[in-house]
């Protein structure tokens, strides 16, 4: 699990990021695997997460952290895929209490 760096204040809510599926060949080119988990509660990018994937989920992550939701998703959740067209990694974002 990613860890928050010391001295970084929390802001907004806490969101859990979990890899739930890797489509295509089932292999992520950056080494991520189903079951990998990070938590986000600040503006910092979690250690070890692919930058391309994080950029894809940021438009969903930030609204969830600040109380937003999406009409096509269950309350407090979003599914987001990374931009790899051959092996999309599917991330579930879930607001944590």
N, C-alpha and C. Protein backbone atom coordinates (compact mmCIF):
# COMPACT_ATOMS: atom_id res chain seq x y z
N UNK A 1 0.85 -1.16 0.00
CA UNK A 1 0.00 0.00 0.00
C UNK A 1 0.90 1.23 0.00
N UNK A 2 0.50 2.26 -0.77
CA UNK A 2 1.25 3.51 -0.78
C UNK A 2 1.15 4.19 0.57
N UNK A 3 2.19 4.92 0.94
CA UNK A 3 2.19 5.62 2.23
C UNK A 3 2.29 7.11 1.99
N UNK A 4 1.62 7.87 2.82
CA UNK A 4 1.71 9.32 2.76
C UNK A 4 3.06 9.75 3.30
N UNK A 5 3.69 10.73 2.65
CA UNK A 5 4.97 11.23 3.12
C UNK A 5 4.76 12.11 4.34
N UNK A 6 5.71 12.08 5.25
CA UNK A 6 5.62 12.88 6.46
C UNK A 6 5.56 14.36 6.10
N UNK A 7 4.76 15.11 6.85
CA UNK A 7 4.67 16.54 6.63
C UNK A 7 3.64 16.94 5.59
N UNK A 8 2.99 15.99 4.95
CA UNK A 8 1.97 16.31 3.96
C UNK A 8 0.61 16.27 4.65
N UNK A 9 -0.06 17.42 4.76
CA UNK A 9 -1.36 17.43 5.44
C UNK A 9 -2.43 16.73 4.62
N UNK A 10 -3.34 16.06 5.31
CA UNK A 10 -4.48 15.46 4.65
C UNK A 10 -5.41 16.57 4.19
N UNK A 11 -6.11 16.31 3.11
CA UNK A 11 -7.11 17.25 2.61
C UNK A 11 -8.18 16.45 1.90
N UNK A 12 -9.42 16.83 2.09
CA UNK A 12 -10.50 16.07 1.47
C UNK A 12 -10.61 14.70 2.12
N UNK A 13 -11.43 13.86 1.50
CA UNK A 13 -11.63 12.51 2.01
C UNK A 13 -10.54 11.56 1.57
N UNK A 14 -10.63 10.36 2.08
CA UNK A 14 -9.66 9.32 1.76
C UNK A 14 -10.29 8.39 0.73
N UNK A 15 -9.53 8.08 -0.33
CA UNK A 15 -10.01 7.19 -1.38
C UNK A 15 -9.04 6.03 -1.54
N UNK A 16 -9.60 4.85 -1.59
CA UNK A 16 -8.82 3.63 -1.82
C UNK A 16 -8.79 3.37 -3.32
N UNK A 17 -7.62 3.07 -3.84
CA UNK A 17 -7.43 2.70 -5.24
C UNK A 17 -7.02 1.23 -5.24
N UNK A 18 -7.78 0.41 -5.96
CA UNK A 18 -7.47 -1.03 -6.02
C UNK A 18 -7.54 -1.51 -7.46
N UNK A 19 -6.57 -2.30 -7.87
CA UNK A 19 -6.61 -2.91 -9.20
C UNK A 19 -7.51 -4.13 -9.12
N UNK A 20 -8.57 -4.12 -9.95
CA UNK A 20 -9.54 -5.21 -9.92
C UNK A 20 -9.46 -6.12 -11.14
N UNK A 21 -8.79 -5.68 -12.19
CA UNK A 21 -8.69 -6.50 -13.40
C UNK A 21 -7.60 -5.94 -14.30
N UNK A 22 -6.94 -6.82 -15.03
CA UNK A 22 -6.03 -6.42 -16.10
C UNK A 22 -6.50 -7.15 -17.35
N UNK A 23 -7.00 -6.38 -18.31
CA UNK A 23 -7.55 -6.96 -19.52
C UNK A 23 -6.44 -7.26 -20.52
N UNK A 24 -6.80 -7.74 -21.70
CA UNK A 24 -5.80 -8.08 -22.71
C UNK A 24 -5.04 -9.33 -22.31
N UNK A 25 -3.72 -9.22 -22.22
CA UNK A 25 -2.90 -10.38 -21.85
C UNK A 25 -2.92 -10.65 -20.36
N UNK A 26 -3.44 -9.70 -19.58
CA UNK A 26 -3.46 -9.86 -18.13
C UNK A 26 -2.18 -9.40 -17.46
N UNK A 27 -1.28 -8.78 -18.24
CA UNK A 27 -0.01 -8.31 -17.70
C UNK A 27 0.10 -6.80 -17.89
N UNK A 28 0.44 -6.10 -16.84
CA UNK A 28 0.66 -4.66 -16.89
C UNK A 28 2.12 -4.40 -17.22
N UNK A 29 2.38 -3.47 -18.15
CA UNK A 29 3.76 -3.20 -18.56
C UNK A 29 4.59 -2.53 -17.47
N UNK A 30 3.94 -1.96 -16.44
CA UNK A 30 4.70 -1.36 -15.33
C UNK A 30 4.77 -2.27 -14.11
N UNK A 31 4.22 -3.48 -14.23
CA UNK A 31 4.34 -4.45 -13.14
C UNK A 31 3.21 -4.46 -12.13
N UNK A 32 2.17 -3.66 -12.35
CA UNK A 32 1.04 -3.71 -11.43
C UNK A 32 0.33 -5.06 -11.54
N UNK A 33 -0.35 -5.46 -10.47
CA UNK A 33 -1.05 -6.73 -10.42
C UNK A 33 -2.42 -6.55 -9.78
N UNK A 34 -3.34 -7.43 -10.13
CA UNK A 34 -4.65 -7.42 -9.49
C UNK A 34 -4.45 -7.54 -7.98
N UNK A 35 -5.16 -6.70 -7.24
CA UNK A 35 -5.03 -6.68 -5.78
C UNK A 35 -4.13 -5.58 -5.25
N UNK A 36 -3.32 -4.95 -6.11
CA UNK A 36 -2.50 -3.82 -5.65
C UNK A 36 -3.43 -2.73 -5.12
N UNK A 37 -3.03 -2.09 -4.02
CA UNK A 37 -3.88 -1.10 -3.35
C UNK A 37 -3.04 0.10 -2.94
N UNK A 38 -3.64 1.29 -3.06
CA UNK A 38 -3.08 2.54 -2.55
C UNK A 38 -4.21 3.31 -1.88
N UNK A 39 -3.85 4.24 -1.02
CA UNK A 39 -4.84 5.16 -0.45
C UNK A 39 -4.36 6.57 -0.68
N UNK A 40 -5.32 7.45 -0.97
CA UNK A 40 -5.02 8.85 -1.26
C UNK A 40 -5.83 9.74 -0.33
N UNK A 41 -5.16 10.68 0.34
CA UNK A 41 -5.88 11.67 1.15
C UNK A 41 -5.19 13.02 1.10
N UNK A 42 -4.37 13.22 0.09
CA UNK A 42 -3.69 14.50 -0.09
C UNK A 42 -3.44 14.71 -1.58
N UNK A 43 -2.77 15.80 -1.91
CA UNK A 43 -2.47 16.11 -3.31
C UNK A 43 -1.27 15.31 -3.83
N UNK A 44 -0.62 14.55 -3.00
CA UNK A 44 0.55 13.77 -3.42
C UNK A 44 0.16 12.53 -4.20
N UNK A 45 0.97 12.20 -5.21
CA UNK A 45 0.78 10.98 -5.98
C UNK A 45 1.30 9.81 -5.14
N UNK A 46 0.51 8.75 -4.99
CA UNK A 46 0.97 7.61 -4.18
C UNK A 46 2.23 6.97 -4.77
N UNK A 47 3.15 6.62 -3.90
CA UNK A 47 4.40 5.98 -4.32
C UNK A 47 4.11 4.67 -5.05
N UNK A 48 4.79 4.47 -6.15
CA UNK A 48 4.73 3.20 -6.86
C UNK A 48 3.63 3.07 -7.89
N UNK A 49 2.74 4.05 -8.00
CA UNK A 49 1.65 3.93 -8.96
C UNK A 49 2.10 4.51 -10.31
N UNK A 50 1.67 3.87 -11.39
CA UNK A 50 2.00 4.31 -12.73
C UNK A 50 1.46 5.72 -12.98
N UNK A 51 2.29 6.61 -13.47
CA UNK A 51 1.89 7.98 -13.73
C UNK A 51 0.80 8.11 -14.78
N UNK A 52 0.85 7.25 -15.81
CA UNK A 52 -0.18 7.28 -16.85
C UNK A 52 -1.53 6.88 -16.25
N UNK A 53 -1.53 5.87 -15.43
CA UNK A 53 -2.78 5.41 -14.80
C UNK A 53 -3.31 6.48 -13.85
N UNK A 54 -2.42 7.09 -13.06
CA UNK A 54 -2.86 8.11 -12.11
C UNK A 54 -3.45 9.30 -12.84
N UNK A 55 -2.85 9.68 -13.97
CA UNK A 55 -3.39 10.79 -14.76
C UNK A 55 -4.79 10.48 -15.27
N UNK A 56 -5.03 9.21 -15.64
CA UNK A 56 -6.35 8.81 -16.12
C UNK A 56 -7.39 8.83 -15.01
N UNK A 57 -6.99 8.50 -13.79
CA UNK A 57 -7.98 8.44 -12.70
C UNK A 57 -8.16 9.77 -11.98
N UNK A 58 -7.26 10.73 -12.16
CA UNK A 58 -7.34 11.99 -11.43
C UNK A 58 -8.67 12.72 -11.63
N UNK A 59 -9.26 12.78 -12.83
CA UNK A 59 -10.56 13.46 -12.97
C UNK A 59 -11.69 12.79 -12.19
N UNK A 60 -11.51 11.55 -11.79
CA UNK A 60 -12.50 10.82 -10.98
C UNK A 60 -12.12 10.87 -9.50
N UNK A 61 -10.84 10.80 -9.23
CA UNK A 61 -10.33 10.75 -7.87
C UNK A 61 -10.63 12.04 -7.10
N UNK A 62 -10.35 13.17 -7.70
CA UNK A 62 -10.54 14.43 -6.99
C UNK A 62 -12.00 14.69 -6.63
N UNK A 63 -12.96 14.54 -7.54
CA UNK A 63 -14.36 14.72 -7.12
C UNK A 63 -14.77 13.78 -5.98
N UNK A 64 -14.32 12.53 -6.04
CA UNK A 64 -14.66 11.59 -4.97
C UNK A 64 -14.08 12.06 -3.64
N UNK A 65 -12.87 12.59 -3.65
CA UNK A 65 -12.24 13.04 -2.41
C UNK A 65 -12.98 14.20 -1.77
N UNK A 66 -13.71 14.97 -2.58
CA UNK A 66 -14.39 16.15 -2.06
C UNK A 66 -15.90 16.05 -2.12
N UNK A 67 -16.43 14.81 -2.06
CA UNK A 67 -17.86 14.59 -1.91
C UNK A 67 -18.66 14.45 -3.19
N UNK A 68 -18.01 14.46 -4.34
CA UNK A 68 -18.72 14.31 -5.60
C UNK A 68 -19.07 12.87 -5.91
N UNK A 69 -19.87 12.70 -6.94
CA UNK A 69 -20.24 11.35 -7.38
C UNK A 69 -20.50 11.39 -8.88
N UNK A 70 -20.72 10.24 -9.46
CA UNK A 70 -20.95 10.10 -10.89
C UNK A 70 -22.26 9.34 -11.09
N UNK A 71 -23.16 9.83 -11.93
CA UNK A 71 -24.48 9.22 -12.05
C UNK A 71 -24.47 7.79 -12.57
N UNK A 72 -23.42 7.38 -13.23
CA UNK A 72 -23.34 6.03 -13.78
C UNK A 72 -22.60 5.05 -12.87
N UNK A 73 -22.18 5.50 -11.69
CA UNK A 73 -21.43 4.66 -10.75
C UNK A 73 -22.17 4.58 -9.42
N UNK A 74 -21.92 3.50 -8.65
CA UNK A 74 -22.46 3.47 -7.28
C UNK A 74 -21.90 4.65 -6.48
N UNK A 75 -22.67 5.13 -5.53
CA UNK A 75 -22.26 6.27 -4.70
C UNK A 75 -20.89 6.00 -4.08
N UNK A 76 -19.98 6.97 -4.22
CA UNK A 76 -18.66 6.87 -3.61
C UNK A 76 -17.68 5.98 -4.34
N UNK A 77 -17.99 5.61 -5.59
CA UNK A 77 -17.10 4.72 -6.34
C UNK A 77 -16.95 5.17 -7.78
N UNK A 78 -15.88 4.69 -8.41
CA UNK A 78 -15.68 4.86 -9.84
C UNK A 78 -14.74 3.76 -10.33
N UNK A 79 -14.99 3.26 -11.53
CA UNK A 79 -14.07 2.35 -12.21
C UNK A 79 -13.36 3.15 -13.29
N UNK A 80 -12.04 3.01 -13.34
CA UNK A 80 -11.22 3.75 -14.30
C UNK A 80 -10.19 2.81 -14.90
N UNK A 81 -9.98 2.91 -16.21
CA UNK A 81 -8.96 2.12 -16.89
C UNK A 81 -7.76 2.99 -17.23
N UNK A 82 -6.59 2.41 -17.19
CA UNK A 82 -5.40 3.11 -17.65
C UNK A 82 -5.46 3.22 -19.18
N UNK A 83 -4.63 4.05 -19.79
CA UNK A 83 -4.71 4.25 -21.23
C UNK A 83 -4.01 3.22 -22.10
N UNK A 84 -3.51 2.13 -21.54
CA UNK A 84 -2.86 1.09 -22.37
C UNK A 84 -3.92 0.35 -23.16
N UNK A 85 -4.00 0.54 -24.49
CA UNK A 85 -5.08 -0.08 -25.26
C UNK A 85 -4.94 -1.60 -25.39
N UNK A 86 -3.75 -2.14 -25.23
CA UNK A 86 -3.56 -3.58 -25.35
C UNK A 86 -3.83 -4.32 -24.06
N UNK A 87 -3.56 -3.69 -22.93
CA UNK A 87 -3.70 -4.33 -21.62
C UNK A 87 -4.25 -3.35 -20.60
N UNK A 88 -5.50 -2.90 -20.76
CA UNK A 88 -6.04 -1.92 -19.82
C UNK A 88 -6.10 -2.47 -18.39
N UNK A 89 -5.55 -1.69 -17.47
CA UNK A 89 -5.63 -2.01 -16.05
C UNK A 89 -6.85 -1.29 -15.51
N UNK A 90 -7.72 -2.03 -14.82
CA UNK A 90 -8.96 -1.47 -14.29
C UNK A 90 -8.78 -1.20 -12.79
N UNK A 91 -9.00 0.06 -12.41
CA UNK A 91 -8.87 0.50 -11.03
C UNK A 91 -10.24 0.81 -10.47
N UNK A 92 -10.52 0.35 -9.25
CA UNK A 92 -11.72 0.75 -8.54
C UNK A 92 -11.33 1.81 -7.52
N UNK A 93 -11.97 2.97 -7.60
CA UNK A 93 -11.78 4.03 -6.63
C UNK A 93 -12.96 3.99 -5.67
N UNK A 94 -12.70 3.97 -4.37
CA UNK A 94 -13.76 3.87 -3.37
C UNK A 94 -13.49 4.83 -2.22
N UNK A 95 -14.47 5.67 -1.92
CA UNK A 95 -14.36 6.58 -0.78
C UNK A 95 -14.33 5.75 0.49
N UNK A 96 -13.42 6.10 1.40
CA UNK A 96 -13.27 5.40 2.67
C UNK A 96 -13.80 6.30 3.78
N UNK A 97 -14.40 5.68 4.81
CA UNK A 97 -14.92 6.45 5.94
C UNK A 97 -13.81 6.86 6.87
